[in-house]
C-alpha atoms as a PDB file:
ATOM      1  CA  MET A   1      -6.757   8.290 -17.130  1.00  0.00           C
ATOM      2  CA  LEU A   2      -8.458   7.208 -13.927  1.00  0.00           C
ATOM      3  CA  SER A   3     -12.227   6.763 -13.895  1.00  0.00           C
ATOM      4  CA  SER A   4     -13.895  10.046 -14.731  1.00  0.00           C
ATOM      5  CA  SER A   5     -16.576   9.452 -12.081  1.00  0.00           C
ATOM      6  CA  VAL A   6     -13.966   9.230  -9.313  1.00  0.00           C
ATOM      7  CA  GLN A   7     -12.149  12.307 -10.567  1.00  0.00           C
ATOM      8  CA  GLU A   8     -15.429  14.178 -10.964  1.00  0.00           C
ATOM      9  CA  ALA A   9     -16.373  13.361  -7.373  1.00  0.00           C
ATOM     10  CA  ARG A  10     -12.949  14.538  -6.155  1.00  0.00           C
ATOM     11  CA  SER A  11     -13.330  17.757  -8.155  1.00  0.00           C
ATOM     12  CA  LYS A  12     -16.824  18.465  -6.790  1.00  0.00           C
ATOM     13  CA  ILE A  13     -15.695  17.875  -3.215  1.00  0.00           C
ATOM     14  CA  ASP A  14     -12.640  20.102  -3.777  1.00  0.00           C
ATOM     15  CA  ALA A  15     -14.974  22.935  -4.824  1.00  0.00           C
ATOM     16  CA  LEU A  16     -16.728  23.002  -1.429  1.00  0.00           C
ATOM     17  CA  THR A  17     -15.899  26.024   0.721  1.00  0.00           C
ATOM     18  CA  ILE A  18     -16.334  26.814   4.385  1.00  0.00           C
ATOM     19  CA  GLU A  19     -18.236  29.996   3.539  1.00  0.00           C
ATOM     20  CA  GLU A  20     -20.777  28.333   1.253  1.00  0.00           C
ATOM     21  CA  ASP A  21     -20.831  24.705   2.419  1.00  0.00           C
ATOM     22  CA  GLY A  22     -19.427  24.701   5.943  1.00  0.00           C
ATOM     23  CA  VAL A  23     -16.457  22.559   4.916  1.00  0.00           C
ATOM     24  CA  CYS A  24     -13.279  23.029   2.949  1.00  0.00           C
ATOM     25  CA  GLY A  25     -13.499  20.301   0.315  1.00  0.00           C
ATOM     26  CA  LYS A  26      -9.730  20.124  -0.118  1.00  0.00           C
ATOM     27  CA  ASP A  27      -9.532  18.952   3.505  1.00  0.00           C
ATOM     28  CA  VAL A  28     -11.762  15.934   2.789  1.00  0.00           C
ATOM     29  CA  TYR A  29      -9.652  12.820   2.400  1.00  0.00           C
ATOM     30  CA  PHE A  30     -10.652  10.433  -0.386  1.00  0.00           C
ATOM     31  CA  TYR A  31      -9.551   6.892   0.327  1.00  0.00           C
ATOM     32  CA  GLY A  32     -10.337   3.597  -1.330  1.00  0.00           C
ATOM     33  CA  GLU A  33      -9.050   0.148  -2.089  1.00  0.00           C
ATOM     34  CA  GLY A  34      -7.271   0.283  -5.405  1.00  0.00           C
ATOM     35  CA  TRP A  35      -7.245  -3.048  -7.197  1.00  0.00           C
ATOM     36  CA  ASP A  36      -5.108  -4.369 -10.002  1.00  0.00           C
ATOM     37  CA  PHE A  37      -6.108  -7.990 -10.529  1.00  0.00           C
ATOM     38  CA  GLY A  38      -8.698 -10.174 -12.179  1.00  0.00           C
ATOM     39  CA  GLU A  39     -10.711  -8.610 -14.963  1.00  0.00           C
ATOM     40  CA  VAL A  40      -9.187  -5.140 -14.370  1.00  0.00           C
ATOM     41  CA  TYR A  41      -5.541  -6.305 -14.211  1.00  0.00           C
ATOM     42  CA  ARG A  42      -3.164  -3.903 -15.940  1.00  0.00           C
ATOM     43  CA  ASN A  43      -6.012  -1.565 -16.892  1.00  0.00           C
ATOM     44  CA  ALA A  44      -7.795  -4.168 -19.040  1.00  0.00           C
ATOM     45  CA  ARG A  45     -11.060  -2.197 -18.708  1.00  0.00           C
ATOM     46  CA  GLY A  46      -9.599   1.292 -18.676  1.00  0.00           C
ATOM     47  CA  ALA A  47      -7.494   2.882 -15.962  1.00  0.00           C
ATOM     48  CA  ASN A  48      -8.351   1.195 -12.687  1.00  0.00           C
ATOM     49  CA  GLY A  49      -7.973   2.630  -9.205  1.00  0.00           C
ATOM     50  CA  SER A  50      -4.580   1.055  -8.567  1.00  0.00           C
ATOM     51  CA  GLN A  51      -2.068   2.867  -6.393  1.00  0.00           C
ATOM     52  CA  ILE A  52       0.037   3.778  -9.422  1.00  0.00           C
ATOM     53  CA  ASN A  53      -2.952   5.260 -11.256  1.00  0.00           C
ATOM     54  CA  LEU A  54      -4.064   7.175  -8.150  1.00  0.00           C
ATOM     55  CA  PHE A  55      -0.728   8.969  -7.877  1.00  0.00           C
ATOM     56  CA  GLY A  56      -1.250  12.719  -8.065  1.00  0.00           C
ATOM     57  CA  THR A  57      -5.068  12.570  -7.956  1.00  0.00           C
ATOM     58  CA  GLY A  58      -5.495  13.455  -4.286  1.00  0.00           C
ATOM     59  CA  ILE A  59      -7.100  10.056  -3.688  1.00  0.00           C
ATOM     60  CA  GLY A  60      -5.492   7.648  -1.228  1.00  0.00           C
ATOM     61  CA  SER A  61      -5.519   3.874  -1.332  1.00  0.00           C
ATOM     62  CA  PHE A  62      -5.389   1.025   1.149  1.00  0.00           C
ATOM     63  CA  ASN A  63      -1.965  -0.584   1.046  1.00  0.00           C
ATOM     64  CA  ASP A  64      -2.228  -4.368   1.130  1.00  0.00           C
ATOM     65  CA  ARG A  65       1.572  -4.696   0.997  1.00  0.00           C
ATOM     66  CA  VAL A  66       1.780  -3.125   4.463  1.00  0.00           C
ATOM     67  CA  ARG A  67      -0.958  -5.392   5.826  1.00  0.00           C
ATOM     68  CA  GLU A  68       0.888  -8.431   4.527  1.00  0.00           C
ATOM     69  CA  ALA A  69       4.281  -7.193   5.770  1.00  0.00           C
ATOM     70  CA  VAL A  70       2.918  -6.733   9.281  1.00  0.00           C
ATOM     71  CA  ASN A  71       0.650  -9.798   9.486  1.00  0.00           C
ATOM     72  CA  GLY A  72       2.304 -12.158   7.033  1.00  0.00           C
ATOM     73  CA  GLY A  73       0.746 -14.084   4.190  1.00  0.00           C
ATOM     74  CA  SER A  74      -2.192 -12.730   2.262  1.00  0.00           C
ATOM     75  CA  PRO A  75      -5.957 -13.158   2.320  1.00  0.00           C
ATOM     76  CA  PHE A  76      -5.559 -15.870  -0.303  1.00  0.00           C
ATOM     77  CA  GLY A  77      -2.574 -17.720   1.180  1.00  0.00           C
ATOM     78  CA  ASP A  78      -1.820 -19.993   4.099  1.00  0.00           C
ATOM     79  CA  PRO A  79      -2.677 -18.236   7.392  1.00  0.00           C
ATOM     80  CA  ARG A  80       0.396 -19.753   9.065  1.00  0.00           C
ATOM     81  CA  ILE A  81       2.790 -17.596   7.021  1.00  0.00           C
ATOM     82  CA  GLN A  82       4.341 -15.169   9.461  1.00  0.00           C
ATOM     83  CA  GLY A  83       5.158 -11.486   9.072  1.00  0.00           C
ATOM     84  CA  PHE A  84       6.887  -8.727  11.024  1.00  0.00           C
ATOM     85  CA  ALA A  85       4.408  -8.622  13.929  1.00  0.00           C
ATOM     86  CA  THR A  86       3.611 -12.337  13.969  1.00  0.00           C
ATOM     87  CA  GLY A  87       7.107 -13.654  14.642  1.00  0.00           C
ATOM     88  CA  LEU A  88       8.792 -14.370  11.304  1.00  0.00           C
ATOM     89  CA  TYR A  89      12.395 -15.464  12.025  1.00  0.00           C
ATOM     90  CA  ASN A  90      12.250 -14.417  15.705  1.00  0.00           C
ATOM     91  CA  LEU A  91       9.404 -16.641  16.935  1.00  0.00           C
ATOM     92  CA  PRO A  92       8.928 -19.474  14.422  1.00  0.00           C
ATOM     93  CA  ASN A  93       5.484 -21.057  14.588  1.00  0.00           C
ATOM     94  CA  GLY A  94       6.572 -24.434  13.221  1.00  0.00           C
ATOM     95  CA  PHE A  95       5.290 -23.824   9.685  1.00  0.00           C
ATOM     96  CA  ASP A  96       8.071 -24.345   7.141  1.00  0.00           C
ATOM     97  CA  GLN A  97       8.996 -20.903   5.840  1.00  0.00           C
ATOM     98  CA  GLY A  98      12.466 -21.895   4.758  1.00  0.00           C
ATOM     99  CA  PRO A  99      15.814 -21.869   6.520  1.00  0.00           C
ATOM    100  CA  PRO A 100      16.567 -19.174   9.109  1.00  0.00           C
ATOM    101  CA  GLU A 101      18.758 -17.146   6.733  1.00  0.00           C
ATOM    102  CA  HIS A 102      15.880 -17.008   4.205  1.00  0.00           C
ATOM    103  CA  GLN A 103      13.436 -15.989   6.946  1.00  0.00           C
ATOM    104  CA  LYS A 104      15.796 -13.262   8.146  1.00  0.00           C
ATOM    105  CA  ASP A 105      16.149 -11.853   4.627  1.00  0.00           C
ATOM    106  CA  GLU A 106      12.364 -12.007   4.144  1.00  0.00           C
ATOM    107  CA  LEU A 107      11.852 -10.238   7.484  1.00  0.00           C
ATOM    108  CA  MET A 108      14.248  -7.482   6.440  1.00  0.00           C
ATOM    109  CA  GLY A 109      12.346  -7.061   3.172  1.00  0.00           C
ATOM    110  CA  LEU A 110       9.055  -6.806   5.073  1.00  0.00           C
ATOM    111  CA  THR A 111      10.667  -4.259   7.391  1.00  0.00           C
ATOM    112  CA  GLU A 112      11.572  -2.149   4.357  1.00  0.00           C
ATOM    113  CA  ARG A 113       7.924  -2.138   3.269  1.00  0.00           C
ATOM    114  CA  ILE A 114       6.924  -0.931   6.722  1.00  0.00           C
ATOM    115  CA  ILE A 115       9.597   1.805   6.645  1.00  0.00           C
ATOM    116  CA  VAL A 116       8.230   3.094   3.350  1.00  0.00           C
ATOM    117  CA  ALA A 117       4.660   2.939   4.676  1.00  0.00           C
ATOM    118  CA  MET A 118       5.657   4.954   7.732  1.00  0.00           C
ATOM    119  CA  ALA A 119       7.128   7.550   5.372  1.00  0.00           C
ATOM    120  CA  GLY A 120       3.664   7.910   3.843  1.00  0.00           C
ATOM    121  CA  ASN A 121       4.343   5.556   0.912  1.00  0.00           C
ATOM    122  CA  LEU A 122       6.222   8.335  -0.814  1.00  0.00           C
ATOM    123  CA  ARG A 123       7.596   6.771  -3.949  1.00  0.00           C
ATOM    124  CA  ASP A 124      10.483   9.261  -3.992  1.00  0.00           C
ATOM    125  CA  TYR A 125      11.410   8.594  -0.343  1.00  0.00           C
ATOM    126  CA  LEU A 126      15.037   7.414  -0.197  1.00  0.00           C
ATOM    127  CA  PHE A 127      16.366   4.995   2.401  1.00  0.00           C
ATOM    128  CA  VAL A 128      19.173   2.469   2.829  1.00  0.00           C
ATOM    129  CA  ASN A 129      17.820  -1.040   2.212  1.00  0.00           C
ATOM    130  CA  ARG A 130      18.955  -4.373   3.680  1.00  0.00           C
ATOM    131  CA  LEU A 131      21.657  -4.666   1.024  1.00  0.00           C
ATOM    132  CA  GLY A 132      23.150  -1.309   2.030  1.00  0.00           C
ATOM    133  CA  GLU A 133      21.907   0.349  -1.165  1.00  0.00           C
ATOM    134  CA  ILE A 134      20.020   3.629  -1.373  1.00  0.00           C
ATOM    135  CA  THR A 135      16.594   2.879  -2.817  1.00  0.00           C
ATOM    136  CA  GLU A 136      13.303   4.683  -3.434  1.00  0.00           C
ATOM    137  CA  GLY A 137      10.075   3.874  -1.641  1.00  0.00           C
END
């Protein structure tokens, strides 16, 4: 179960009405940065705010997989690693990211992440992946 304080806050906001409070609480979007690493990895200290644990709560989460698909790399990796928008495969920057066929496959995988993100990160969203297989988001 996700943190009771987060769920309690969501519940209290949901209870707000236009008539009494001037706002419909269910229209207020809760959004955070769900983490699943370090001391909270795999719910080591109780259910953390990871994207999987937030499913169905009405609370959204920043998607670092989309950031990394678009930009390339990660905040903790080499900044020269390219992504979809920074030229992977199409405009090599000289940093060794493997042979062209590997880069193309990686680019297609990143493109799939972006497709799923554009579909609202719906885990039940079906699409045809780079291997020609139907897969879920």
